């Protein structure tokens, strides 16, 4: 079913205001900026880009958006919290829906310079009695465009700069390390949302 971009953008704007009310203004600003971008460019590619980011923002766990509620004077605000939960459910349904087309989903994967990477090898060696490690990462910057880099080259390869969030960058690397340790080496990490995607999904239209 085709997404009503006007409704989706309006829901995201309202959700952003609720997040600000909950002292989550940074996340709220991201929702607002994506909503405005969707209003400006309501294409299938934009819809899938929003779906991709919402999926990462709705990750569960302690402190997640689904683990919070709207308060007023130290108690749950029943009216606003009901609206908050309703919007969370709408976004969850949207995220879990099938992409509107394979073409738009593939385009969204690398939209706006999006990059993915995965840790594929770690080597440890002794040199002058100190232990040093060498890690090799594979970085994908477009359909069929990949290259191997070391840890020292990884930041530049994915587009991480001094103006970007150090916390997001560390989170992405931690996820890549965890996937490697768990043996899930057919998974890639999106920079900078930390969203994980399987290799077959990433390469689907290559």
C-alpha atoms as a PDB file:
ATOM      1  CA  UNK A   1       0.000   0.000   0.000  1.00  0.00           C
ATOM      2  CA  UNK A   2       1.356   3.408  -0.948  1.00  0.00           C
ATOM      3  CA  UNK A   3       2.374   5.562   2.004  1.00  0.00           C
ATOM      4  CA  UNK A   4       0.553   8.838   2.569  1.00  0.00           C
ATOM      5  CA  UNK A   5       3.636  11.030   2.977  1.00  0.00           C
ATOM      6  CA  UNK A   6       1.638  13.997   4.289  1.00  0.00           C
ATOM      7  CA  UNK A   7       0.189  11.925   7.131  1.00  0.00           C
ATOM      8  CA  UNK A   8       3.553  10.320   7.897  1.00  0.00           C
ATOM      9  CA  UNK A   9       5.310  13.695   7.997  1.00  0.00           C
ATOM     10  CA  UNK A  10       2.598  15.193  10.215  1.00  0.00           C
ATOM     11  CA  UNK A  11       2.822  12.225  12.597  1.00  0.00           C
ATOM     12  CA  UNK A  12       6.597  12.628  12.796  1.00  0.00           C
ATOM     13  CA  UNK A  13       6.292  16.350  13.504  1.00  0.00           C
ATOM     14  CA  UNK A  14       3.814  15.683  16.301  1.00  0.00           C
ATOM     15  CA  UNK A  15       6.024  12.915  17.679  1.00  0.00           C
ATOM     16  CA  UNK A  16       8.957  15.337  17.630  1.00  0.00           C
ATOM     17  CA  UNK A  17       7.032  17.780  19.817  1.00  0.00           C
ATOM     18  CA  UNK A  18       6.204  15.000  22.282  1.00  0.00           C
ATOM     19  CA  UNK A  19       9.860  13.960  22.425  1.00  0.00           C
ATOM     20  CA  UNK A  20      10.851  17.546  23.189  1.00  0.00           C
ATOM     21  CA  UNK A  21       8.270  17.558  25.994  1.00  0.00           C
ATOM     22  CA  UNK A  22      10.018  14.419  27.312  1.00  0.00           C
ATOM     23  CA  UNK A  23      13.447  16.125  27.275  1.00  0.00           C
ATOM     24  CA  UNK A  24      14.485  14.158  24.187  1.00  0.00           C
ATOM     25  CA  UNK A  25      14.968  17.207  21.997  1.00  0.00           C
ATOM     26  CA  UNK A  26      17.948  15.792  20.067  1.00  0.00           C
ATOM     27  CA  UNK A  27      15.947  12.812  18.849  1.00  0.00           C
ATOM     28  CA  UNK A  28      12.958  15.081  18.331  1.00  0.00           C
ATOM     29  CA  UNK A  29      14.971  17.365  16.046  1.00  0.00           C
ATOM     30  CA  UNK A  30      15.957  14.362  13.924  1.00  0.00           C
ATOM     31  CA  UNK A  31      12.308  13.341  13.553  1.00  0.00           C
ATOM     32  CA  UNK A  32      11.418  16.919  12.635  1.00  0.00           C
ATOM     33  CA  UNK A  33      14.207  17.271  10.060  1.00  0.00           C
ATOM     34  CA  UNK A  34      13.256  13.981   8.393  1.00  0.00           C
ATOM     35  CA  UNK A  35       9.610  15.030   8.326  1.00  0.00           C
ATOM     36  CA  UNK A  36      10.461  18.328   6.652  1.00  0.00           C
ATOM     37  CA  UNK A  37      12.675  16.563   4.127  1.00  0.00           C
ATOM     38  CA  UNK A  38       9.828  14.168   3.356  1.00  0.00           C
ATOM     39  CA  UNK A  39       7.460  17.094   2.813  1.00  0.00           C
ATOM     40  CA  UNK A  40       9.968  18.651   0.417  1.00  0.00           C
ATOM     41  CA  UNK A  41      10.729  15.421  -1.467  1.00  0.00           C
ATOM     42  CA  UNK A  42       7.847  12.914  -1.035  1.00  0.00           C
ATOM     43  CA  UNK A  43       9.375  10.266  -3.314  1.00  0.00           C
ATOM     44  CA  UNK A  44       9.473   6.499  -2.813  1.00  0.00           C
ATOM     45  CA  UNK A  45      13.192   6.771  -2.129  1.00  0.00           C
ATOM     46  CA  UNK A  46      12.552   9.342   0.620  1.00  0.00           C
ATOM     47  CA  UNK A  47       9.881   7.112   2.162  1.00  0.00           C
ATOM     48  CA  UNK A  48      12.281   4.179   2.301  1.00  0.00           C
ATOM     49  CA  UNK A  49      15.030   6.358   3.750  1.00  0.00           C
ATOM     50  CA  UNK A  50      12.636   7.412   6.532  1.00  0.00           C
ATOM     51  CA  UNK A  51      11.654   3.768   7.078  1.00  0.00           C
ATOM     52  CA  UNK A  52      15.310   2.816   7.437  1.00  0.00           C
ATOM     53  CA  UNK A  53      16.018   5.511  10.024  1.00  0.00           C
ATOM     54  CA  UNK A  54      12.828   4.898  11.999  1.00  0.00           C
ATOM     55  CA  UNK A  55      13.743   1.231  12.244  1.00  0.00           C
ATOM     56  CA  UNK A  56      16.996   2.161  13.984  1.00  0.00           C
ATOM     57  CA  UNK A  57      15.319   4.718  16.274  1.00  0.00           C
ATOM     58  CA  UNK A  58      12.714   2.214  17.449  1.00  0.00           C
ATOM     59  CA  UNK A  59      15.205  -0.362  18.691  1.00  0.00           C
ATOM     60  CA  UNK A  60      14.060  -1.820  22.004  1.00  0.00           C
ATOM     61  CA  UNK A  61      15.793  -2.137  25.347  1.00  0.00           C
ATOM     62  CA  UNK A  62      16.255  -0.076  28.489  1.00  0.00           C
ATOM     63  CA  UNK A  63      15.902   3.625  27.797  1.00  0.00           C
ATOM     64  CA  UNK A  64      14.507   3.061  24.315  1.00  0.00           C
ATOM     65  CA  UNK A  65      11.555   5.064  23.000  1.00  0.00           C
ATOM     66  CA  UNK A  66       9.219   2.156  23.702  1.00  0.00           C
ATOM     67  CA  UNK A  67      10.490   2.082  27.305  1.00  0.00           C
ATOM     68  CA  UNK A  68       9.475   5.691  28.012  1.00  0.00           C
ATOM     69  CA  UNK A  69       6.274   7.557  28.758  1.00  0.00           C
ATOM     70  CA  UNK A  70       5.062  11.144  28.819  1.00  0.00           C
ATOM     71  CA  UNK A  71       4.999  12.702  32.282  1.00  0.00           C
ATOM     72  CA  UNK A  72       3.409  15.717  33.879  1.00  0.00           C
ATOM     73  CA  UNK A  73       4.197  16.799  37.435  1.00  0.00           C
ATOM     74  CA  UNK A  74       5.981  13.518  38.089  1.00  0.00           C
ATOM     75  CA  UNK A  75       3.116  11.290  36.969  1.00  0.00           C
ATOM     76  CA  UNK A  76       2.058   9.772  33.668  1.00  0.00           C
ATOM     77  CA  UNK A  77       0.134  12.200  31.484  1.00  0.00           C
ATOM     78  CA  UNK A  78      -2.621   9.827  30.392  1.00  0.00           C
ATOM     79  CA  UNK A  79      -3.745  11.893  27.397  1.00  0.00           C
ATOM     80  CA  UNK A  80      -0.329  12.700  25.919  1.00  0.00           C
ATOM     81  CA  UNK A  81       1.052   9.259  26.704  1.00  0.00           C
ATOM     82  CA  UNK A  82      -1.837   7.597  24.864  1.00  0.00           C
ATOM     83  CA  UNK A  83      -1.042   9.768  21.845  1.00  0.00           C
ATOM     84  CA  UNK A  84       2.645   8.910  22.183  1.00  0.00           C
ATOM     85  CA  UNK A  85       1.958   5.171  22.262  1.00  0.00           C
ATOM     86  CA  UNK A  86      -0.426   5.429  19.312  1.00  0.00           C
ATOM     87  CA  UNK A  87       2.253   7.143  17.212  1.00  0.00           C
ATOM     88  CA  UNK A  88       4.855   4.566  18.296  1.00  0.00           C
ATOM     89  CA  UNK A  89       2.552   1.810  17.067  1.00  0.00           C
ATOM     90  CA  UNK A  90       1.929   3.591  13.768  1.00  0.00           C
ATOM     91  CA  UNK A  91       5.669   3.956  13.190  1.00  0.00           C
ATOM     92  CA  UNK A  92       6.253   0.311  14.122  1.00  0.00           C
ATOM     93  CA  UNK A  93       3.612  -0.817  11.613  1.00  0.00           C
ATOM     94  CA  UNK A  94       5.172   1.422   8.959  1.00  0.00           C
ATOM     95  CA  UNK A  95       8.673   0.089   9.638  1.00  0.00           C
ATOM     96  CA  UNK A  96       7.505  -3.545   9.428  1.00  0.00           C
ATOM     97  CA  UNK A  97       5.576  -3.019   6.193  1.00  0.00           C
ATOM     98  CA  UNK A  98       7.012  -4.180   2.896  1.00  0.00           C
ATOM     99  CA  UNK A  99       8.926  -1.555   0.861  1.00  0.00           C
ATOM    100  CA  UNK A 100       6.795  -0.014  -1.861  1.00  0.00           C
ATOM    101  CA  UNK A 101       9.197  -1.237  -4.513  1.00  0.00           C
ATOM    102  CA  UNK A 102      12.500  -3.094  -4.640  1.00  0.00           C
ATOM    103  CA  UNK A 103      13.961  -0.217  -6.612  1.00  0.00           C
ATOM    104  CA  UNK A 104      13.102   2.393  -3.987  1.00  0.00           C
ATOM    105  CA  UNK A 105      14.319   0.160  -1.163  1.00  0.00           C
ATOM    106  CA  UNK A 106      17.644  -0.371  -2.919  1.00  0.00           C
ATOM    107  CA  UNK A 107      18.015   3.346  -3.566  1.00  0.00           C
ATOM    108  CA  UNK A 108      17.294   4.142   0.078  1.00  0.00           C
ATOM    109  CA  UNK A 109      20.097   1.877   1.263  1.00  0.00           C
ATOM    110  CA  UNK A 110      22.719   4.263  -0.066  1.00  0.00           C
ATOM    111  CA  UNK A 111      20.630   7.461  -0.054  1.00  0.00           C
ATOM    112  CA  UNK A 112      22.356  10.721   0.852  1.00  0.00           C
ATOM    113  CA  UNK A 113      25.780   9.119   0.937  1.00  0.00           C
ATOM    114  CA  UNK A 114      24.801   6.327   3.327  1.00  0.00           C
ATOM    115  CA  UNK A 115      27.568   3.792   3.903  1.00  0.00           C
ATOM    116  CA  UNK A 116      27.802   0.331   5.457  1.00  0.00           C
ATOM    117  CA  UNK A 117      30.738  -1.561   6.898  1.00  0.00           C
ATOM    118  CA  UNK A 118      31.597  -4.834   8.574  1.00  0.00           C
ATOM    119  CA  UNK A 119      34.605  -6.280  10.379  1.00  0.00           C
ATOM    120  CA  UNK A 120      35.904  -9.232   8.410  1.00  0.00           C
ATOM    121  CA  UNK A 121      39.262 -10.044   9.993  1.00  0.00           C
ATOM    122  CA  UNK A 122      41.330  -9.349  13.108  1.00  0.00           C
ATOM    123  CA  UNK A 123      44.977 -10.286  13.463  1.00  0.00           C
ATOM    124  CA  UNK A 124      47.178  -9.935  16.516  1.00  0.00           C
ATOM    125  CA  UNK A 125      50.967  -9.977  16.411  1.00  0.00           C
ATOM    126  CA  UNK A 126      53.868  -9.244  18.707  1.00  0.00           C
ATOM    127  CA  UNK A 127      56.322  -6.510  17.825  1.00  0.00           C
ATOM    128  CA  UNK A 128      59.030  -5.408  20.228  1.00  0.00           C
ATOM    129  CA  UNK A 129      57.218  -7.213  23.042  1.00  0.00           C
ATOM    130  CA  UNK A 130      54.011  -5.204  22.666  1.00  0.00           C
ATOM    131  CA  UNK A 131      50.789  -6.661  21.332  1.00  0.00           C
ATOM    132  CA  UNK A 132      49.257  -4.806  18.418  1.00  0.00           C
ATOM    133  CA  UNK A 133      46.155  -5.682  16.489  1.00  0.00           C
ATOM    134  CA  UNK A 134      45.313  -5.311  12.827  1.00  0.00           C
ATOM    135  CA  UNK A 135      41.662  -5.202  11.832  1.00  0.00           C
ATOM    136  CA  UNK A 136      40.306  -5.321   8.302  1.00  0.00           C
ATOM    137  CA  UNK A 137      36.909  -3.886   7.426  1.00  0.00           C
ATOM    138  CA  UNK A 138      34.863  -4.019   4.252  1.00  0.00           C
ATOM    139  CA  UNK A 139      33.099  -0.759   3.409  1.00  0.00           C
ATOM    140  CA  UNK A 140      30.193  -0.427   0.956  1.00  0.00           C
ATOM    141  CA  UNK A 141      29.486   3.061  -0.390  1.00  0.00           C
ATOM    142  CA  UNK A 142      27.139   2.167  -3.245  1.00  0.00           C
ATOM    143  CA  UNK A 143      25.647  -0.756  -5.176  1.00  0.00           C
ATOM    144  CA  UNK A 144      28.610  -2.959  -6.051  1.00  0.00           C
ATOM    145  CA  UNK A 145      31.128  -0.451  -4.661  1.00  0.00           C
ATOM    146  CA  UNK A 146      33.164  -1.922  -1.791  1.00  0.00           C
ATOM    147  CA  UNK A 147      36.725  -1.757  -0.562  1.00  0.00           C
ATOM    148  CA  UNK A 148      38.858  -3.157   2.238  1.00  0.00           C
ATOM    149  CA  UNK A 149      40.366  -0.793   4.813  1.00  0.00           C
ATOM    150  CA  UNK A 150      42.195  -0.928   8.128  1.00  0.00           C
ATOM    151  CA  UNK A 151      40.858   0.528  11.365  1.00  0.00           C
ATOM    152  CA  UNK A 152      42.928   3.677  10.823  1.00  0.00           C
ATOM    153  CA  UNK A 153      41.274   4.194   7.429  1.00  0.00           C
ATOM    154  CA  UNK A 154      37.749   3.244   8.478  1.00  0.00           C
ATOM    155  CA  UNK A 155      36.543   6.641   9.678  1.00  0.00           C
ATOM    156  CA  UNK A 156      37.459   8.407   6.454  1.00  0.00           C
ATOM    157  CA  UNK A 157      36.084   5.533   4.370  1.00  0.00           C
ATOM    158  CA  UNK A 158      32.589   5.743   5.890  1.00  0.00           C
ATOM    159  CA  UNK A 159      32.530   9.545   5.995  1.00  0.00           C
ATOM    160  CA  UNK A 160      33.064  10.120   9.717  1.00  0.00           C
ATOM    161  CA  UNK A 161      34.392  13.623  10.404  1.00  0.00           C
ATOM    162  CA  UNK A 162      35.294  15.804  13.362  1.00  0.00           C
ATOM    163  CA  UNK A 163      31.918  17.534  13.104  1.00  0.00           C
ATOM    164  CA  UNK A 164      30.035  14.236  13.468  1.00  0.00           C
ATOM    165  CA  UNK A 165      28.852  12.547  16.649  1.00  0.00           C
ATOM    166  CA  UNK A 166      31.656  10.633  18.352  1.00  0.00           C
ATOM    167  CA  UNK A 167      29.036   8.649  20.295  1.00  0.00           C
ATOM    168  CA  UNK A 168      27.339   7.455  17.078  1.00  0.00           C
ATOM    169  CA  UNK A 169      30.714   6.489  15.618  1.00  0.00           C
ATOM    170  CA  UNK A 170      31.689   4.495  18.704  1.00  0.00           C
ATOM    171  CA  UNK A 171      28.297   2.776  18.743  1.00  0.00           C
ATOM    172  CA  UNK A 172      28.697   1.716  15.094  1.00  0.00           C
ATOM    173  CA  UNK A 173      32.129   0.230  15.759  1.00  0.00           C
ATOM    174  CA  UNK A 174      30.873  -1.578  18.869  1.00  0.00           C
ATOM    175  CA  UNK A 175      28.037  -3.135  16.867  1.00  0.00           C
ATOM    176  CA  UNK A 176      30.457  -4.251  14.133  1.00  0.00           C
ATOM    177  CA  UNK A 177      32.777  -5.790  16.747  1.00  0.00           C
ATOM    178  CA  UNK A 178      29.860  -7.588  18.418  1.00  0.00           C
ATOM    179  CA  UNK A 179      28.610  -9.014  15.118  1.00  0.00           C
ATOM    180  CA  UNK A 180      32.113 -10.300  14.377  1.00  0.00           C
ATOM    181  CA  UNK A 181      32.427 -11.960  17.792  1.00  0.00           C
ATOM    182  CA  UNK A 182      29.012 -13.575  17.390  1.00  0.00           C
ATOM    183  CA  UNK A 183      30.023 -14.994  14.019  1.00  0.00           C
ATOM    184  CA  UNK A 184      27.437 -12.887  12.173  1.00  0.00           C
ATOM    185  CA  UNK A 185      29.874 -11.887   9.472  1.00  0.00           C
ATOM    186  CA  UNK A 186      27.194 -11.731   6.805  1.00  0.00           C
ATOM    187  CA  UNK A 187      25.799  -8.572   8.434  1.00  0.00           C
ATOM    188  CA  UNK A 188      26.674  -4.934   7.776  1.00  0.00           C
ATOM    189  CA  UNK A 189      26.392  -1.870  10.044  1.00  0.00           C
ATOM    190  CA  UNK A 190      24.981   1.380   8.716  1.00  0.00           C
ATOM    191  CA  UNK A 191      26.934   4.526   9.521  1.00  0.00           C
ATOM    192  CA  UNK A 192      25.702   6.439  11.459  1.00  0.00           C
ATOM    193  CA  UNK A 193      22.444   4.858  12.712  1.00  0.00           C
ATOM    194  CA  UNK A 194      24.034   1.505  13.752  1.00  0.00           C
ATOM    195  CA  UNK A 195      21.202  -0.257  11.890  1.00  0.00           C
ATOM    196  CA  UNK A 196      22.192  -3.810  10.901  1.00  0.00           C
ATOM    197  CA  UNK A 197      21.384  -5.316   7.513  1.00  0.00           C
ATOM    198  CA  UNK A 198      22.101  -8.774   6.132  1.00  0.00           C
ATOM    199  CA  UNK A 199      24.475  -9.205   3.213  1.00  0.00           C
ATOM    200  CA  UNK A 200      21.808 -10.676   0.960  1.00  0.00           C
ATOM    201  CA  UNK A 201      19.577  -7.648   1.542  1.00  0.00           C
ATOM    202  CA  UNK A 202      22.400  -5.184   0.906  1.00  0.00           C
ATOM    203  CA  UNK A 203      23.462  -6.899  -2.311  1.00  0.00           C
ATOM    204  CA  UNK A 204      19.938  -7.737  -3.486  1.00  0.00           C
ATOM    205  CA  UNK A 205      19.993  -5.462  -6.528  1.00  0.00           C
ATOM    206  CA  UNK A 206      23.742  -5.440  -7.286  1.00  0.00           C
END
